[in-house]
Amino acid sequence: MIVENIPISRLKREMNQVFRTLARNSVDAYIVTRKEKPVTYLVSIKHFESLLAELPNLADQLERLDIDDSI
């Protein structure tokens, strides 16, 4: 997974380029920062959809852990 930090000031200036980069899947996500602290993520559609597809598997794993802990 490719993740890059980007200051919000740069994002404002280069928003079109950032969106094109995400659309080309050159980067999976940007961590948008303000004063060097993370404030939000921008995630490509492809990466977001892969995360959504993974949710049922994670839920199953958590359910198994709950069952195992109760034994």
N, C-alpha and C. Protein backbone atom coordinates (compact mmCIF):
# COMPACT_ATOMS: atom_id res chain seq x y z
N MET A 1 0.85 -1.18 0.00
CA MET A 1 0.00 0.00 0.00
C MET A 1 0.89 1.24 0.00
N ILE A 2 0.58 2.15 -0.88
CA ILE A 2 1.36 3.38 -0.98
C ILE A 2 0.55 4.52 -0.35
N VAL A 3 1.13 5.12 0.68
CA VAL A 3 0.50 6.23 1.39
C VAL A 3 1.48 7.39 1.43
N GLU A 4 0.97 8.57 1.14
CA GLU A 4 1.81 9.77 1.20
C GLU A 4 1.17 10.81 2.09
N ASN A 5 2.00 11.56 2.78
CA ASN A 5 1.53 12.71 3.54
C ASN A 5 1.45 13.91 2.62
N ILE A 6 0.44 14.75 2.85
CA ILE A 6 0.32 15.98 2.09
C ILE A 6 -0.25 17.06 2.99
N PRO A 7 0.46 18.18 3.11
CA PRO A 7 -0.08 19.30 3.90
C PRO A 7 -1.34 19.85 3.23
N ILE A 8 -2.29 20.29 4.02
CA ILE A 8 -3.54 20.79 3.47
C ILE A 8 -3.31 21.98 2.53
N SER A 9 -2.31 22.78 2.82
CA SER A 9 -2.01 23.93 1.93
C SER A 9 -1.60 23.46 0.54
N ARG A 10 -0.80 22.40 0.48
CA ARG A 10 -0.40 21.84 -0.82
C ARG A 10 -1.59 21.18 -1.51
N LEU A 11 -2.42 20.49 -0.73
CA LEU A 11 -3.62 19.87 -1.29
C LEU A 11 -4.50 20.91 -1.98
N LYS A 12 -4.67 22.05 -1.34
CA LYS A 12 -5.49 23.12 -1.93
C LYS A 12 -4.92 23.56 -3.27
N ARG A 13 -3.60 23.70 -3.34
CA ARG A 13 -2.96 24.16 -4.58
C ARG A 13 -2.97 23.09 -5.66
N GLU A 14 -2.84 21.82 -5.27
CA GLU A 14 -2.63 20.74 -6.23
C GLU A 14 -3.77 19.71 -6.23
N MET A 15 -4.97 20.15 -5.89
CA MET A 15 -6.08 19.21 -5.72
C MET A 15 -6.33 18.39 -6.98
N ASN A 16 -6.34 19.01 -8.15
CA ASN A 16 -6.59 18.26 -9.38
C ASN A 16 -5.55 17.17 -9.59
N GLN A 17 -4.30 17.49 -9.35
CA GLN A 17 -3.22 16.51 -9.52
C GLN A 17 -3.35 15.37 -8.50
N VAL A 18 -3.69 15.70 -7.27
CA VAL A 18 -3.86 14.68 -6.23
C VAL A 18 -4.98 13.72 -6.61
N PHE A 19 -6.10 14.26 -7.10
CA PHE A 19 -7.22 13.39 -7.50
C PHE A 19 -6.84 12.54 -8.70
N ARG A 20 -6.10 13.09 -9.64
CA ARG A 20 -5.65 12.29 -10.78
C ARG A 20 -4.73 11.16 -10.33
N THR A 21 -3.85 11.46 -9.38
CA THR A 21 -2.94 10.44 -8.85
C THR A 21 -3.72 9.32 -8.18
N LEU A 22 -4.73 9.67 -7.41
CA LEU A 22 -5.57 8.65 -6.78
C LEU A 22 -6.34 7.84 -7.83
N ALA A 23 -6.85 8.51 -8.86
CA ALA A 23 -7.62 7.83 -9.90
C ALA A 23 -6.76 6.86 -10.69
N ARG A 24 -5.48 7.19 -10.87
CA ARG A 24 -4.55 6.30 -11.59
C ARG A 24 -4.04 5.19 -10.70
N ASN A 25 -4.41 5.21 -9.43
CA ASN A 25 -3.94 4.23 -8.45
C ASN A 25 -2.43 4.27 -8.27
N SER A 26 -1.82 5.44 -8.51
CA SER A 26 -0.39 5.61 -8.25
C SER A 26 -0.13 5.68 -6.75
N VAL A 27 -1.14 6.14 -6.01
CA VAL A 27 -1.09 6.23 -4.55
C VAL A 27 -2.40 5.67 -4.04
N ASP A 28 -2.36 4.88 -2.97
CA ASP A 28 -3.59 4.33 -2.40
C ASP A 28 -4.31 5.34 -1.51
N ALA A 29 -3.51 6.15 -0.81
CA ALA A 29 -4.11 7.11 0.12
C ALA A 29 -3.15 8.25 0.41
N TYR A 30 -3.73 9.38 0.74
CA TYR A 30 -2.96 10.52 1.26
C TYR A 30 -3.40 10.75 2.69
N ILE A 31 -2.45 11.05 3.54
CA ILE A 31 -2.75 11.53 4.88
C ILE A 31 -2.63 13.04 4.80
N VAL A 32 -3.76 13.72 4.96
CA VAL A 32 -3.77 15.17 4.89
C VAL A 32 -3.41 15.71 6.27
N THR A 33 -2.42 16.60 6.29
CA THR A 33 -1.93 17.13 7.57
C THR A 33 -2.17 18.63 7.67
N ARG A 34 -2.31 19.07 8.90
CA ARG A 34 -2.36 20.50 9.21
C ARG A 34 -1.40 20.70 10.37
N LYS A 35 -0.45 21.59 10.18
CA LYS A 35 0.59 21.83 11.18
C LYS A 35 1.28 20.52 11.56
N GLU A 36 1.54 19.70 10.52
CA GLU A 36 2.26 18.42 10.63
C GLU A 36 1.50 17.35 11.42
N LYS A 37 0.21 17.58 11.70
CA LYS A 37 -0.59 16.59 12.40
C LYS A 37 -1.67 16.06 11.44
N PRO A 38 -1.89 14.75 11.41
CA PRO A 38 -2.89 14.19 10.50
C PRO A 38 -4.30 14.67 10.86
N VAL A 39 -5.07 15.03 9.83
CA VAL A 39 -6.44 15.47 10.07
C VAL A 39 -7.47 14.62 9.32
N THR A 40 -7.06 14.02 8.20
CA THR A 40 -7.98 13.17 7.44
C THR A 40 -7.21 12.34 6.42
N TYR A 41 -7.91 11.39 5.83
CA TYR A 41 -7.35 10.59 4.75
C TYR A 41 -8.11 10.87 3.46
N LEU A 42 -7.40 10.83 2.36
CA LEU A 42 -8.01 10.76 1.04
C LEU A 42 -7.62 9.40 0.50
N VAL A 43 -8.60 8.61 0.11
CA VAL A 43 -8.34 7.23 -0.29
C VAL A 43 -8.87 7.00 -1.70
N SER A 44 -8.11 6.25 -2.49
CA SER A 44 -8.56 5.92 -3.84
C SER A 44 -9.79 5.03 -3.77
N ILE A 45 -10.62 5.09 -4.79
CA ILE A 45 -11.81 4.25 -4.85
C ILE A 45 -11.42 2.77 -4.78
N LYS A 46 -10.40 2.39 -5.53
CA LYS A 46 -9.97 0.98 -5.54
C LYS A 46 -9.59 0.52 -4.14
N HIS A 47 -8.83 1.33 -3.42
CA HIS A 47 -8.41 0.94 -2.08
C HIS A 47 -9.61 0.93 -1.12
N PHE A 48 -10.48 1.91 -1.23
CA PHE A 48 -11.67 1.97 -0.38
C PHE A 48 -12.54 0.74 -0.59
N GLU A 49 -12.75 0.37 -1.86
CA GLU A 49 -13.56 -0.81 -2.15
C GLU A 49 -12.92 -2.09 -1.63
N SER A 50 -11.60 -2.17 -1.68
CA SER A 50 -10.93 -3.35 -1.13
C SER A 50 -11.08 -3.40 0.40
N LEU A 51 -11.07 -2.25 1.05
CA LEU A 51 -11.30 -2.22 2.49
C LEU A 51 -12.73 -2.66 2.83
N LEU A 52 -13.70 -2.17 2.04
CA LEU A 52 -15.09 -2.59 2.27
C LEU A 52 -15.26 -4.08 2.07
N ALA A 53 -14.60 -4.63 1.06
CA ALA A 53 -14.70 -6.06 0.79
C ALA A 53 -14.10 -6.88 1.92
N GLU A 54 -13.16 -6.31 2.64
CA GLU A 54 -12.46 -7.02 3.72
C GLU A 54 -13.27 -7.00 5.02
N LEU A 55 -14.24 -6.10 5.17
CA LEU A 55 -15.00 -5.97 6.41
C LEU A 55 -15.69 -7.27 6.86
N PRO A 56 -16.37 -7.99 5.98
CA PRO A 56 -16.99 -9.24 6.44
C PRO A 56 -15.97 -10.24 7.00
N ASN A 57 -14.80 -10.32 6.38
CA ASN A 57 -13.75 -11.22 6.90
C ASN A 57 -13.31 -10.80 8.28
N LEU A 58 -13.15 -9.50 8.47
CA LEU A 58 -12.73 -9.00 9.78
C LEU A 58 -13.80 -9.25 10.83
N ALA A 59 -15.06 -9.06 10.45
CA ALA A 59 -16.16 -9.32 11.38
C ALA A 59 -16.18 -10.79 11.79
N ASP A 60 -15.97 -11.68 10.82
CA ASP A 60 -15.91 -13.11 11.14
C ASP A 60 -14.77 -13.42 12.10
N GLN A 61 -13.62 -12.82 11.85
CA GLN A 61 -12.47 -13.05 12.73
C GLN A 61 -12.75 -12.56 14.14
N LEU A 62 -13.37 -11.39 14.25
CA LEU A 62 -13.71 -10.86 15.58
C LEU A 62 -14.72 -11.76 16.28
N GLU A 63 -15.68 -12.26 15.53
CA GLU A 63 -16.67 -13.15 16.12
C GLU A 63 -16.01 -14.42 16.64
N ARG A 64 -15.09 -14.97 15.86
CA ARG A 64 -14.36 -16.17 16.32
C ARG A 64 -13.55 -15.87 17.57
N LEU A 65 -12.95 -14.69 17.64
CA LEU A 65 -12.18 -14.34 18.83
C LEU A 65 -13.08 -14.26 20.04
N ASP A 66 -14.28 -13.68 19.89
CA ASP A 66 -15.22 -13.61 21.00
C ASP A 66 -15.61 -15.00 21.47
N ILE A 67 -15.84 -15.90 20.54
CA ILE A 67 -16.20 -17.28 20.89
C ILE A 67 -15.04 -17.95 21.60
N ASP A 68 -13.82 -17.78 21.09
CA ASP A 68 -12.65 -18.39 21.70
C ASP A 68 -12.40 -17.84 23.11
N ASP A 69 -12.65 -16.56 23.32
CA ASP A 69 -12.43 -15.96 24.63
C ASP A 69 -13.42 -16.46 25.66
N SER A 70 -14.60 -16.86 25.23
CA SER A 70 -15.61 -17.30 26.19
C SER A 70 -15.41 -18.76 26.62
N ILE A 71 -14.54 -19.48 25.93
CA ILE A 71 -14.32 -20.90 26.28
C ILE A 71 -13.42 -21.04 27.48
